[in-house]
Amino acid sequence: MFTGIITGVGRIVAVHDLGSSSSHGKRLTLETPAGYLDDVGLGDSIALNGACMTATTLSPSQRQFTIDISAESLDKTTGLDTPGPVNLEKALRAHDRLGGHIVSGHVDGIGSVTEFSQIGESWLLVILAPPSLAKYLAYKGSITVNGVSLTVNQITDMAAGCEMRINLIPHTVDNTALGNLRVGSSVNLEIDLIARYVERMLQADPQQPVKPAP
């Protein structure tokens, strides 16, 4: 479980194939800020651009760790198969502040940046989300973009999907990898966890009795 508050910007420095076919995943080597791995243990969860992964090896002295990413995860995410900067977030601890919103680290879809421009001291980020996610997006609702918890300021439904407008303050641009986005960039999106349960409750048949757990 995560909050969407980025705790460091790392970099994928090496990508190795785990096999020769498309059904094989990849092993990523990541470089982190100094001291980032001091409280990380082998097997801990770390979100990379919003996708929850498991640390398979650790080398704190070299500021590096590795993760294995499956072909399925590669197919459902973007930006995790080539070297470059990534947003990092360690898993939420029970006593931590919930500074963003509840984030599971499971990517629901891939969006496309249609505008990224500076307006005053802030930045306007416009993303086209796939049609399948449109019903989960709401004015002033939460969305996770490449692992960053953000607030939707405006939504516009269209045939190609749902366009959402997001304001980024300078701190967010300076302290995450979102500042590297450009028009046409693909981004990982995770909808608000509460929206998932609301949809499920609306779909449930009120006449169907709930079976007790065995």
N, C-alpha and C. Protein backbone atom coordinates (compact mmCIF):
# COMPACT_ATOMS: atom_id res chain seq x y z
N MET A 1 0.84 -1.18 0.00
CA MET A 1 0.00 0.00 0.00
C MET A 1 0.88 1.25 0.00
N PHE A 2 0.44 2.29 -0.73
CA PHE A 2 1.22 3.50 -0.89
C PHE A 2 0.32 4.73 -0.72
N THR A 3 0.92 5.91 -0.81
CA THR A 3 0.14 7.15 -0.65
C THR A 3 0.22 8.06 -1.86
N GLY A 4 1.13 7.77 -2.80
CA GLY A 4 1.30 8.66 -3.94
C GLY A 4 2.18 9.86 -3.63
N ILE A 5 2.87 9.84 -2.49
CA ILE A 5 3.84 10.87 -2.15
C ILE A 5 5.24 10.32 -2.45
N ILE A 6 5.87 10.84 -3.46
CA ILE A 6 7.14 10.31 -3.93
C ILE A 6 8.24 10.56 -2.89
N THR A 7 9.01 9.51 -2.59
CA THR A 7 10.07 9.62 -1.59
C THR A 7 11.45 9.72 -2.20
N GLY A 8 11.54 9.64 -3.51
CA GLY A 8 12.83 9.79 -4.18
C GLY A 8 12.67 9.59 -5.68
N VAL A 9 13.58 10.19 -6.43
CA VAL A 9 13.62 9.97 -7.88
C VAL A 9 14.84 9.12 -8.17
N GLY A 10 14.60 7.95 -8.72
CA GLY A 10 15.68 7.04 -9.07
C GLY A 10 15.87 6.99 -10.58
N ARG A 11 16.68 6.04 -10.99
CA ARG A 11 16.95 5.89 -12.43
C ARG A 11 17.15 4.41 -12.75
N ILE A 12 16.47 3.95 -13.79
CA ILE A 12 16.74 2.62 -14.33
C ILE A 12 18.06 2.71 -15.08
N VAL A 13 19.07 1.96 -14.62
CA VAL A 13 20.39 2.05 -15.25
C VAL A 13 20.72 0.84 -16.11
N ALA A 14 19.97 -0.25 -15.93
CA ALA A 14 20.22 -1.44 -16.75
C ALA A 14 18.95 -2.26 -16.86
N VAL A 15 18.75 -2.84 -18.04
CA VAL A 15 17.60 -3.69 -18.31
C VAL A 15 18.10 -4.99 -18.93
N HIS A 16 17.79 -6.11 -18.29
CA HIS A 16 18.24 -7.41 -18.78
C HIS A 16 17.04 -8.32 -19.03
N ASP A 17 17.03 -9.00 -20.16
CA ASP A 17 15.98 -9.95 -20.47
C ASP A 17 16.09 -11.17 -19.57
N LEU A 18 14.94 -11.68 -19.12
CA LEU A 18 14.91 -12.90 -18.31
C LEU A 18 14.67 -14.14 -19.17
N GLY A 19 14.57 -13.93 -20.47
CA GLY A 19 14.37 -15.03 -21.41
C GLY A 19 14.35 -14.49 -22.82
N SER A 20 14.20 -15.38 -23.78
CA SER A 20 14.30 -14.98 -25.18
C SER A 20 12.96 -14.76 -25.87
N SER A 21 11.86 -15.07 -25.19
CA SER A 21 10.55 -14.93 -25.82
C SER A 21 9.77 -13.78 -25.20
N SER A 22 8.66 -13.44 -25.84
CA SER A 22 7.82 -12.34 -25.36
C SER A 22 7.11 -12.67 -24.05
N SER A 23 7.12 -13.94 -23.67
CA SER A 23 6.49 -14.35 -22.42
C SER A 23 7.42 -14.18 -21.23
N HIS A 24 8.65 -13.82 -21.48
CA HIS A 24 9.62 -13.59 -20.41
C HIS A 24 9.63 -12.11 -20.01
N GLY A 25 9.94 -11.88 -18.75
CA GLY A 25 10.02 -10.51 -18.26
C GLY A 25 11.43 -9.97 -18.33
N LYS A 26 11.70 -8.97 -17.49
CA LYS A 26 13.01 -8.33 -17.48
C LYS A 26 13.48 -8.10 -16.05
N ARG A 27 14.77 -7.99 -15.90
CA ARG A 27 15.37 -7.62 -14.61
C ARG A 27 15.91 -6.19 -14.73
N LEU A 28 15.45 -5.33 -13.83
CA LEU A 28 15.87 -3.94 -13.86
C LEU A 28 16.83 -3.65 -12.71
N THR A 29 17.87 -2.91 -13.01
CA THR A 29 18.77 -2.40 -11.98
C THR A 29 18.50 -0.91 -11.84
N LEU A 30 18.24 -0.49 -10.61
CA LEU A 30 17.89 0.90 -10.36
C LEU A 30 18.89 1.56 -9.44
N GLU A 31 19.17 2.81 -9.73
CA GLU A 31 20.04 3.63 -8.89
C GLU A 31 19.17 4.61 -8.11
N THR A 32 19.48 4.79 -6.83
CA THR A 32 18.65 5.60 -5.95
C THR A 32 19.45 6.77 -5.38
N PRO A 33 18.76 7.74 -4.78
CA PRO A 33 19.48 8.81 -4.07
C PRO A 33 20.29 8.23 -2.90
N ALA A 34 21.28 8.95 -2.46
CA ALA A 34 22.14 8.51 -1.36
C ALA A 34 21.30 8.26 -0.10
N GLY A 35 21.51 7.12 0.54
CA GLY A 35 20.82 6.78 1.78
C GLY A 35 19.42 6.24 1.61
N TYR A 36 18.92 6.19 0.38
CA TYR A 36 17.52 5.79 0.16
C TYR A 36 17.27 4.35 0.60
N LEU A 37 18.26 3.49 0.45
CA LEU A 37 18.07 2.07 0.74
C LEU A 37 18.43 1.69 2.17
N ASP A 38 18.76 2.66 3.00
CA ASP A 38 19.23 2.35 4.36
C ASP A 38 18.18 1.61 5.18
N ASP A 39 16.90 1.86 4.96
CA ASP A 39 15.85 1.19 5.74
C ASP A 39 15.03 0.22 4.90
N VAL A 40 15.59 -0.20 3.77
CA VAL A 40 14.90 -1.13 2.88
C VAL A 40 15.48 -2.52 3.07
N GLY A 41 14.60 -3.52 3.17
CA GLY A 41 15.03 -4.90 3.33
C GLY A 41 14.75 -5.70 2.07
N LEU A 42 15.45 -6.80 1.92
CA LEU A 42 15.23 -7.69 0.78
C LEU A 42 13.78 -8.16 0.78
N GLY A 43 13.12 -8.05 -0.35
CA GLY A 43 11.72 -8.45 -0.46
C GLY A 43 10.74 -7.33 -0.19
N ASP A 44 11.23 -6.16 0.19
CA ASP A 44 10.33 -5.02 0.44
C ASP A 44 9.70 -4.54 -0.87
N SER A 45 8.53 -3.92 -0.73
CA SER A 45 7.84 -3.37 -1.89
C SER A 45 8.24 -1.92 -2.11
N ILE A 46 8.54 -1.59 -3.36
CA ILE A 46 8.84 -0.23 -3.77
C ILE A 46 8.08 0.03 -5.06
N ALA A 47 7.36 1.14 -5.11
CA ALA A 47 6.61 1.49 -6.31
C ALA A 47 7.52 2.24 -7.28
N LEU A 48 7.53 1.79 -8.54
CA LEU A 48 8.29 2.43 -9.60
C LEU A 48 7.31 3.05 -10.58
N ASN A 49 7.28 4.37 -10.64
CA ASN A 49 6.31 5.06 -11.50
C ASN A 49 4.89 4.54 -11.26
N GLY A 50 4.61 4.23 -9.99
CA GLY A 50 3.26 3.82 -9.62
C GLY A 50 3.00 2.34 -9.65
N ALA A 51 3.97 1.53 -10.08
CA ALA A 51 3.78 0.08 -10.14
C ALA A 51 4.53 -0.58 -9.00
N CYS A 52 3.82 -1.34 -8.18
CA CYS A 52 4.42 -2.00 -7.01
C CYS A 52 5.33 -3.14 -7.45
N MET A 53 6.58 -3.08 -7.01
CA MET A 53 7.57 -4.10 -7.34
C MET A 53 8.28 -4.57 -6.08
N THR A 54 8.98 -5.71 -6.18
CA THR A 54 9.67 -6.31 -5.05
C THR A 54 11.18 -6.19 -5.24
N ALA A 55 11.86 -5.70 -4.22
CA ALA A 55 13.32 -5.60 -4.27
C ALA A 55 13.91 -7.00 -4.16
N THR A 56 14.59 -7.45 -5.21
CA THR A 56 15.14 -8.82 -5.24
C THR A 56 16.60 -8.87 -4.83
N THR A 57 17.35 -7.81 -5.03
CA THR A 57 18.71 -7.69 -4.50
C THR A 57 18.91 -6.26 -4.05
N LEU A 58 19.81 -6.08 -3.08
CA LEU A 58 20.10 -4.75 -2.54
C LEU A 58 21.60 -4.54 -2.48
N SER A 59 22.01 -3.33 -2.85
CA SER A 59 23.42 -2.94 -2.72
C SER A 59 23.46 -1.49 -2.24
N PRO A 60 23.18 -1.26 -0.94
CA PRO A 60 23.12 0.11 -0.43
C PRO A 60 24.39 0.91 -0.66
N SER A 61 25.56 0.25 -0.60
CA SER A 61 26.81 0.97 -0.79
C SER A 61 26.95 1.52 -2.21
N GLN A 62 26.32 0.83 -3.17
CA GLN A 62 26.32 1.30 -4.55
C GLN A 62 25.05 2.05 -4.90
N ARG A 63 24.16 2.20 -3.91
CA ARG A 63 22.88 2.89 -4.09
C ARG A 63 22.02 2.22 -5.16
N GLN A 64 22.07 0.89 -5.23
CA GLN A 64 21.35 0.17 -6.27
C GLN A 64 20.53 -0.98 -5.70
N PHE A 65 19.44 -1.30 -6.40
CA PHE A 65 18.67 -2.50 -6.12
C PHE A 65 18.12 -3.03 -7.44
N THR A 66 17.67 -4.25 -7.43
CA THR A 66 17.10 -4.84 -8.64
C THR A 66 15.68 -5.30 -8.38
N ILE A 67 14.90 -5.37 -9.45
CA ILE A 67 13.55 -5.95 -9.40
C ILE A 67 13.36 -6.80 -10.65
N ASP A 68 12.53 -7.81 -10.54
CA ASP A 68 12.12 -8.61 -11.70
C ASP A 68 10.70 -8.21 -12.05
N ILE A 69 10.50 -7.86 -13.31
CA ILE A 69 9.17 -7.45 -13.75
C ILE A 69 8.68 -8.43 -14.81
N SER A 70 7.48 -8.95 -14.62
CA SER A 70 6.94 -9.98 -15.51
C SER A 70 6.50 -9.38 -16.84
N ALA A 71 6.30 -10.24 -17.81
CA ALA A 71 5.81 -9.81 -19.11
C ALA A 71 4.42 -9.18 -18.98
N GLU A 72 3.61 -9.73 -18.07
CA GLU A 72 2.27 -9.19 -17.84
C GLU A 72 2.35 -7.76 -17.32
N SER A 73 3.23 -7.52 -16.37
CA SER A 73 3.37 -6.17 -15.82
C SER A 73 3.92 -5.20 -16.88
N LEU A 74 4.85 -5.67 -17.69
CA LEU A 74 5.38 -4.82 -18.75
C LEU A 74 4.30 -4.45 -19.75
N ASP A 75 3.38 -5.39 -19.99
CA ASP A 75 2.30 -5.14 -20.95
C ASP A 75 1.29 -4.13 -20.42
N LYS A 76 1.16 -4.04 -19.09
CA LYS A 76 0.14 -3.19 -18.49
C LYS A 76 0.70 -1.86 -17.97
N THR A 77 1.99 -1.62 -18.16
CA THR A 77 2.60 -0.39 -17.68
C THR A 77 3.41 0.25 -18.80
N THR A 78 3.95 1.43 -18.51
CA THR A 78 4.82 2.11 -19.47
C THR A 78 6.02 2.69 -18.72
N GLY A 79 7.14 2.81 -19.42
CA GLY A 79 8.32 3.44 -18.85
C GLY A 79 9.17 2.57 -17.96
N LEU A 80 8.89 1.25 -17.93
CA LEU A 80 9.65 0.36 -17.06
C LEU A 80 10.47 -0.65 -17.85
N ASP A 81 10.71 -0.38 -19.11
CA ASP A 81 11.49 -1.32 -19.93
C ASP A 81 12.70 -0.67 -20.58
N THR A 82 12.97 0.61 -20.24
CA THR A 82 14.11 1.31 -20.81
C THR A 82 14.78 2.16 -19.72
N PRO A 83 16.07 2.42 -19.84
CA PRO A 83 16.75 3.27 -18.86
C PRO A 83 16.16 4.67 -18.83
N GLY A 84 16.16 5.25 -17.62
CA GLY A 84 15.64 6.60 -17.47
C GLY A 84 15.14 6.84 -16.05
N PRO A 85 14.74 8.08 -15.75
CA PRO A 85 14.30 8.42 -14.39
C PRO A 85 12.94 7.82 -14.06
N VAL A 86 12.76 7.46 -12.78
CA VAL A 86 11.48 6.92 -12.31
C VAL A 86 11.18 7.46 -10.91
N ASN A 87 9.91 7.62 -10.64
CA ASN A 87 9.47 8.00 -9.30
C ASN A 87 9.51 6.78 -8.39
N LEU A 88 10.03 6.98 -7.18
CA LEU A 88 10.12 5.89 -6.20
C LEU A 88 9.28 6.22 -4.97
N GLU A 89 8.60 5.20 -4.46
CA GLU A 89 7.91 5.33 -3.18
C GLU A 89 8.00 4.01 -2.43
N LYS A 90 8.47 4.08 -1.19
CA LYS A 90 8.50 2.90 -0.34
C LYS A 90 7.09 2.60 0.17
N ALA A 91 6.84 1.35 0.51
CA ALA A 91 5.52 0.96 0.99
C ALA A 91 5.15 1.70 2.26
N LEU A 92 3.86 1.98 2.42
CA LEU A 92 3.33 2.70 3.58
C LEU A 92 3.47 1.86 4.85
N ARG A 93 3.94 2.50 5.92
CA ARG A 93 3.98 1.86 7.23
C ARG A 93 2.76 2.28 8.04
N ALA A 94 2.37 1.48 9.01
CA ALA A 94 1.12 1.71 9.74
C ALA A 94 1.09 3.07 10.45
N HIS A 95 2.25 3.58 10.86
CA HIS A 95 2.27 4.83 11.62
C HIS A 95 2.56 6.05 10.73
N ASP A 96 2.66 5.85 9.40
CA ASP A 96 2.97 6.97 8.51
C ASP A 96 1.75 7.87 8.31
N ARG A 97 2.04 9.13 7.95
CA ARG A 97 0.96 10.04 7.55
C ARG A 97 0.47 9.65 6.16
N LEU A 98 -0.85 9.72 5.97
CA LEU A 98 -1.43 9.47 4.66
C LEU A 98 -1.52 10.81 3.93
N GLY A 99 -0.38 11.24 3.39
CA GLY A 99 -0.30 12.59 2.82
C GLY A 99 -0.99 12.74 1.48
N GLY A 100 -1.11 11.66 0.71
CA GLY A 100 -1.76 11.75 -0.59
C GLY A 100 -3.14 11.12 -0.53
N HIS A 101 -3.28 9.93 -1.12
CA HIS A 101 -4.50 9.15 -0.97
C HIS A 101 -4.11 7.67 -1.01
N ILE A 102 -5.04 6.78 -0.75
CA ILE A 102 -4.73 5.35 -0.70
C ILE A 102 -4.42 4.84 -2.11
N VAL A 103 -3.22 4.34 -2.29
CA VAL A 103 -2.74 3.88 -3.59
C VAL A 103 -2.30 2.42 -3.45
N SER A 104 -2.72 1.58 -4.38
CA SER A 104 -2.41 0.15 -4.28
C SER A 104 -1.14 -0.23 -5.02
N GLY A 105 -0.71 0.60 -5.95
CA GLY A 105 0.46 0.26 -6.76
C GLY A 105 0.13 -0.66 -7.92
N HIS A 106 -1.17 -0.74 -8.28
CA HIS A 106 -1.62 -1.53 -9.41
C HIS A 106 -2.10 -0.59 -10.52
N VAL A 107 -1.40 -0.59 -11.64
CA VAL A 107 -1.72 0.32 -12.73
C VAL A 107 -3.00 -0.12 -13.43
N ASP A 108 -3.94 0.82 -13.58
CA ASP A 108 -5.23 0.52 -14.20
C ASP A 108 -5.26 0.80 -15.70
N GLY A 109 -4.38 1.65 -16.17
CA GLY A 109 -4.37 1.98 -17.58
C GLY A 109 -3.24 2.94 -17.89
N ILE A 110 -3.02 3.15 -19.18
CA ILE A 110 -1.95 4.04 -19.64
C ILE A 110 -2.58 5.25 -20.33
N GLY A 111 -2.19 6.43 -19.87
CA GLY A 111 -2.68 7.67 -20.46
C GLY A 111 -1.62 8.31 -21.34
N SER A 112 -2.04 9.35 -22.07
CA SER A 112 -1.13 10.06 -22.96
C SER A 112 -1.17 11.55 -22.65
N VAL A 113 0.00 12.17 -22.52
CA VAL A 113 0.08 13.61 -22.24
C VAL A 113 -0.25 14.39 -23.51
N THR A 114 -1.26 15.25 -23.43
CA THR A 114 -1.64 16.07 -24.59
C THR A 114 -1.21 17.52 -24.44
N GLU A 115 -0.87 17.93 -23.22
CA GLU A 115 -0.35 19.28 -23.00
C GLU A 115 0.44 19.30 -21.70
N PHE A 116 1.55 20.00 -21.72
CA PHE A 116 2.35 20.20 -20.51
C PHE A 116 3.03 21.56 -20.65
N SER A 117 2.46 22.54 -19.97
CA SER A 117 2.93 23.91 -20.17
C SER A 117 2.92 24.67 -18.85
N GLN A 118 3.82 25.63 -18.75
CA GLN A 118 3.91 26.45 -17.54
C GLN A 118 2.92 27.59 -17.61
N ILE A 119 2.18 27.76 -16.51
CA ILE A 119 1.22 28.86 -16.39
C ILE A 119 1.49 29.53 -15.05
N GLY A 120 2.04 30.74 -15.10
CA GLY A 120 2.45 31.39 -13.87
C GLY A 120 3.57 30.60 -13.23
N GLU A 121 3.46 30.36 -11.93
CA GLU A 121 4.49 29.59 -11.24
C GLU A 121 4.23 28.09 -11.31
N SER A 122 3.06 27.69 -11.78
CA SER A 122 2.67 26.28 -11.82
C SER A 122 2.72 25.73 -13.24
N TRP A 123 2.38 24.45 -13.33
CA TRP A 123 2.37 23.78 -14.63
C TRP A 123 1.01 23.12 -14.86
N LEU A 124 0.54 23.21 -16.10
CA LEU A 124 -0.70 22.55 -16.49
C LEU A 124 -0.36 21.24 -17.17
N LEU A 125 -0.87 20.15 -16.61
CA LEU A 125 -0.68 18.82 -17.18
C LEU A 125 -2.03 18.30 -17.64
N VAL A 126 -2.14 18.03 -18.93
CA VAL A 126 -3.37 17.50 -19.51
C VAL A 126 -3.10 16.09 -20.02
N ILE A 127 -3.92 15.15 -19.56
CA ILE A 127 -3.72 13.74 -19.90
C ILE A 127 -5.01 13.17 -20.48
N LEU A 128 -4.88 12.42 -21.56
CA LEU A 128 -6.01 11.69 -22.12
C LEU A 128 -5.98 10.28 -21.57
N ALA A 129 -6.98 9.96 -20.76
CA ALA A 129 -7.10 8.61 -20.17
C ALA A 129 -7.92 7.73 -21.10
N PRO A 130 -7.69 6.42 -21.10
CA PRO A 130 -8.47 5.52 -21.96
C PRO A 130 -9.94 5.52 -21.57
N PRO A 131 -10.84 5.22 -22.53
CA PRO A 131 -12.28 5.24 -22.26
C PRO A 131 -12.69 4.37 -21.07
N SER A 132 -11.99 3.26 -20.84
CA SER A 132 -12.36 2.35 -19.76
C SER A 132 -12.21 2.97 -18.38
N LEU A 133 -11.42 4.03 -18.25
CA LEU A 133 -11.20 4.68 -16.96
C LEU A 133 -12.06 5.92 -16.76
N ALA A 134 -12.77 6.34 -17.80
CA ALA A 134 -13.50 7.62 -17.76
C ALA A 134 -14.49 7.68 -16.59
N LYS A 135 -15.20 6.59 -16.32
CA LYS A 135 -16.24 6.62 -15.29
C LYS A 135 -15.68 6.74 -13.89
N TYR A 136 -14.36 6.51 -13.73
CA TYR A 136 -13.75 6.59 -12.40
C TYR A 136 -13.16 7.97 -12.11
N LEU A 137 -13.15 8.85 -13.09
CA LEU A 137 -12.53 10.17 -12.93
C LEU A 137 -13.59 11.20 -12.61
N ALA A 138 -13.30 12.05 -11.64
CA ALA A 138 -14.28 13.05 -11.20
C ALA A 138 -13.59 14.36 -10.86
N TYR A 139 -14.33 15.44 -11.00
CA TYR A 139 -13.84 16.77 -10.63
C TYR A 139 -13.42 16.78 -9.16
N LYS A 140 -12.20 17.21 -8.90
CA LYS A 140 -11.58 17.25 -7.57
C LYS A 140 -11.36 15.86 -6.98
N GLY A 141 -11.43 14.85 -7.82
CA GLY A 141 -11.11 13.50 -7.37
C GLY A 141 -9.61 13.25 -7.46
N SER A 142 -9.19 12.11 -6.94
CA SER A 142 -7.76 11.77 -6.92
C SER A 142 -7.42 10.85 -8.09
N ILE A 143 -6.21 11.03 -8.59
CA ILE A 143 -5.67 10.16 -9.64
C ILE A 143 -4.17 10.01 -9.37
N THR A 144 -3.63 8.84 -9.66
CA THR A 144 -2.20 8.63 -9.52
C THR A 144 -1.58 8.61 -10.91
N VAL A 145 -0.62 9.50 -11.15
CA VAL A 145 0.07 9.60 -12.44
C VAL A 145 1.54 9.27 -12.22
N ASN A 146 1.99 8.16 -12.80
CA ASN A 146 3.37 7.70 -12.60
C ASN A 146 3.73 7.67 -11.11
N GLY A 147 2.75 7.24 -10.30
CA GLY A 147 2.98 7.08 -8.88
C GLY A 147 2.74 8.31 -8.04
N VAL A 148 2.40 9.44 -8.65
CA VAL A 148 2.21 10.69 -7.92
C VAL A 148 0.72 10.94 -7.67
N SER A 149 0.35 11.17 -6.42
CA SER A 149 -1.03 11.48 -6.07
C SER A 149 -1.36 12.91 -6.49
N LEU A 150 -2.36 13.06 -7.36
CA LEU A 150 -2.72 14.37 -7.90
C LEU A 150 -4.23 14.56 -7.86
N THR A 151 -4.65 15.82 -7.99
CA THR A 151 -6.06 16.17 -7.97
C THR A 151 -6.52 16.58 -9.36
N VAL A 152 -7.63 16.03 -9.80
CA VAL A 152 -8.19 16.35 -11.11
C VAL A 152 -8.96 17.67 -11.01
N ASN A 153 -8.58 18.66 -11.81
CA ASN A 153 -9.23 19.96 -11.77
C ASN A 153 -10.35 20.12 -12.79
N GLN A 154 -10.28 19.32 -13.85
CA GLN A 154 -11.32 19.41 -14.88
C GLN A 154 -11.31 18.13 -15.70
N ILE A 155 -12.48 17.67 -16.10
CA ILE A 155 -12.56 16.49 -16.96
C ILE A 155 -13.44 16.80 -18.16
N THR A 156 -13.07 16.22 -19.29
CA THR A 156 -13.85 16.37 -20.52
C THR A 156 -13.96 15.02 -21.18
N ASP A 157 -15.18 14.50 -21.30
CA ASP A 157 -15.39 13.22 -21.96
C ASP A 157 -15.41 13.42 -23.47
N MET A 158 -14.73 12.53 -24.16
CA MET A 158 -14.69 12.58 -25.62
C MET A 158 -14.61 11.16 -26.16
N ALA A 159 -14.73 11.02 -27.47
CA ALA A 159 -14.77 9.69 -28.07
C ALA A 159 -13.50 8.90 -27.80
N ALA A 160 -12.37 9.59 -27.76
CA ALA A 160 -11.09 8.90 -27.58
C ALA A 160 -10.80 8.55 -26.13
N GLY A 161 -11.60 9.07 -25.21
CA GLY A 161 -11.37 8.80 -23.79
C GLY A 161 -11.82 9.95 -22.94
N CYS A 162 -11.15 10.16 -21.82
CA CYS A 162 -11.48 11.24 -20.91
C CYS A 162 -10.23 12.10 -20.71
N GLU A 163 -10.34 13.37 -21.04
CA GLU A 163 -9.22 14.29 -20.88
C GLU A 163 -9.32 14.96 -19.51
N MET A 164 -8.24 14.89 -18.75
CA MET A 164 -8.24 15.51 -17.42
C MET A 164 -7.13 16.55 -17.34
N ARG A 165 -7.46 17.65 -16.67
CA ARG A 165 -6.52 18.74 -16.49
C ARG A 165 -6.07 18.75 -15.03
N ILE A 166 -4.76 18.82 -14.83
CA ILE A 166 -4.16 18.73 -13.50
C ILE A 166 -3.17 19.87 -13.32
N ASN A 167 -3.17 20.48 -12.14
CA ASN A 167 -2.22 21.53 -11.84
C ASN A 167 -1.06 20.96 -11.03
N LEU A 168 0.16 21.26 -11.45
CA LEU A 168 1.35 20.83 -10.73
C LEU A 168 2.06 22.05 -10.15
N ILE A 169 2.28 22.05 -8.84
CA ILE A 169 3.03 23.14 -8.23
C ILE A 169 4.52 22.91 -8.48
N PRO A 170 5.34 23.95 -8.38
CA PRO A 170 6.78 23.80 -8.64
C PRO A 170 7.44 22.70 -7.81
N HIS A 171 7.02 22.52 -6.56
CA HIS A 171 7.62 21.48 -5.70
C HIS A 171 7.44 20.11 -6.33
N THR A 172 6.27 19.84 -6.88
CA THR A 172 6.01 18.53 -7.50
C THR A 172 6.88 18.33 -8.73
N VAL A 173 7.00 19.36 -9.54
CA VAL A 173 7.83 19.26 -10.75
C VAL A 173 9.29 19.06 -10.40
N ASP A 174 9.75 19.75 -9.35
CA ASP A 174 11.16 19.70 -8.97
C ASP A 174 11.54 18.41 -8.24
N ASN A 175 10.59 17.77 -7.59
CA ASN A 175 10.91 16.63 -6.72
C ASN A 175 10.35 15.29 -7.20
N THR A 176 9.85 15.26 -8.43
CA THR A 176 9.42 14.00 -9.04
C THR A 176 9.95 13.96 -10.47
N ALA A 177 9.73 12.85 -11.13
CA ALA A 177 10.16 12.72 -12.52
C ALA A 177 9.11 13.26 -13.49
N LEU A 178 8.04 13.86 -12.98
CA LEU A 178 7.01 14.39 -13.87
C LEU A 178 7.53 15.55 -14.71
N GLY A 179 8.57 16.22 -14.23
CA GLY A 179 9.13 17.32 -14.99
C GLY A 179 9.74 16.90 -16.32
N ASN A 180 9.96 15.60 -16.50
CA ASN A 180 10.52 15.09 -17.75
C ASN A 180 9.45 14.77 -18.79
N LEU A 181 8.18 14.94 -18.42
CA LEU A 181 7.11 14.62 -19.37
C LEU A 181 7.09 15.61 -20.53
N ARG A 182 6.63 15.12 -21.66
CA ARG A 182 6.46 15.93 -22.86
C ARG A 182 5.14 15.54 -23.52
N VAL A 183 4.67 16.37 -24.43
CA VAL A 183 3.47 16.01 -25.19
C VAL A 183 3.74 14.70 -25.93
N GLY A 184 2.84 13.76 -25.77
CA GLY A 184 3.01 12.43 -26.36
C GLY A 184 3.56 11.41 -25.40
N SER A 185 4.06 11.84 -24.22
CA SER A 185 4.56 10.89 -23.24
C SER A 185 3.44 9.99 -22.73
N SER A 186 3.74 8.72 -22.51
CA SER A 186 2.79 7.78 -21.90
C SER A 186 3.00 7.76 -20.40
N VAL A 187 1.91 7.65 -19.64
CA VAL A 187 2.00 7.66 -18.18
C VAL A 187 1.14 6.55 -17.60
N ASN A 188 1.60 6.00 -16.46
CA ASN A 188 0.83 5.00 -15.73
C ASN A 188 -0.25 5.69 -14.90
N LEU A 189 -1.46 5.18 -14.96
CA LEU A 189 -2.58 5.75 -14.22
C LEU A 189 -3.16 4.71 -13.27
N GLU A 190 -3.45 5.14 -12.05
CA GLU A 190 -4.20 4.32 -11.11
C GLU A 190 -5.36 5.14 -10.57
N ILE A 191 -6.56 4.61 -10.69
CA ILE A 191 -7.75 5.31 -10.22
C ILE A 191 -7.85 5.25 -8.70
N ASP A 192 -8.70 6.08 -8.15
CA ASP A 192 -8.93 6.10 -6.71
C ASP A 192 -9.50 4.76 -6.27
N LEU A 193 -8.91 4.17 -5.24
CA LEU A 193 -9.33 2.86 -4.75
C LEU A 193 -10.81 2.84 -4.36
N ILE A 194 -11.30 3.94 -3.80
CA ILE A 194 -12.70 4.00 -3.37
C ILE A 194 -13.63 3.85 -4.56
N ALA A 195 -13.23 4.38 -5.72
CA ALA A 195 -14.08 4.29 -6.91
C ALA A 195 -14.29 2.84 -7.33
N ARG A 196 -13.30 1.99 -7.10
CA ARG A 196 -13.45 0.57 -7.44
C ARG A 196 -14.59 -0.06 -6.64
N TYR A 197 -14.62 0.25 -5.33
CA TYR A 197 -15.64 -0.35 -4.47
C TYR A 197 -17.02 0.24 -4.75
N VAL A 198 -17.07 1.52 -5.08
CA VAL A 198 -18.36 2.12 -5.43
C VAL A 198 -18.95 1.44 -6.65
N GLU A 199 -18.12 1.20 -7.67
CA GLU A 199 -18.60 0.52 -8.87
C GLU A 199 -19.11 -0.87 -8.52
N ARG A 200 -18.36 -1.59 -7.69
CA ARG A 200 -18.76 -2.95 -7.33
C ARG A 200 -20.09 -2.95 -6.59
N MET A 201 -20.28 -1.99 -5.69
CA MET A 201 -21.54 -1.91 -4.94
C MET A 201 -22.71 -1.57 -5.85
N LEU A 202 -22.47 -0.73 -6.83
CA LEU A 202 -23.54 -0.35 -7.76
C LEU A 202 -23.92 -1.52 -8.67
N GLN A 203 -22.95 -2.40 -8.94
CA GLN A 203 -23.21 -3.54 -9.81
C GLN A 203 -23.87 -4.70 -9.07
N ALA A 204 -23.73 -4.72 -7.74
CA ALA A 204 -24.22 -5.85 -6.96
C ALA A 204 -25.74 -5.95 -7.04
N ASP A 205 -26.24 -7.17 -7.09
CA ASP A 205 -27.68 -7.44 -7.12
C ASP A 205 -28.22 -7.38 -5.70
N PRO A 206 -29.09 -6.39 -5.37
CA PRO A 206 -29.59 -6.28 -4.01
C PRO A 206 -30.44 -7.48 -3.58
N GLN A 207 -30.95 -8.26 -4.55
CA GLN A 207 -31.77 -9.43 -4.24
C GLN A 207 -30.92 -10.68 -3.95
N GLN A 208 -29.61 -10.58 -4.28
CA GLN A 208 -28.73 -11.73 -4.09
C GLN A 208 -28.18 -11.72 -2.66
N PRO A 209 -28.51 -12.72 -1.85
CA PRO A 209 -28.03 -12.75 -0.47
C PRO A 209 -26.51 -12.91 -0.40
N VAL A 210 -25.92 -12.32 0.60
CA VAL A 210 -24.47 -12.46 0.80
C VAL A 210 -24.22 -13.72 1.59
N LYS A 211 -23.37 -14.59 1.04
CA LYS A 211 -23.06 -15.84 1.71
C LYS A 211 -22.04 -15.62 2.81
N PRO A 212 -22.29 -16.19 3.99
CA PRO A 212 -21.31 -16.06 5.07
C PRO A 212 -20.02 -16.78 4.75
N ALA A 213 -18.93 -16.29 5.29
CA ALA A 213 -17.63 -16.93 5.08
C ALA A 213 -17.63 -18.31 5.74
N PRO A 214 -16.99 -19.30 5.11
CA PRO A 214 -16.97 -20.65 5.70
C PRO A 214 -16.12 -20.67 6.96
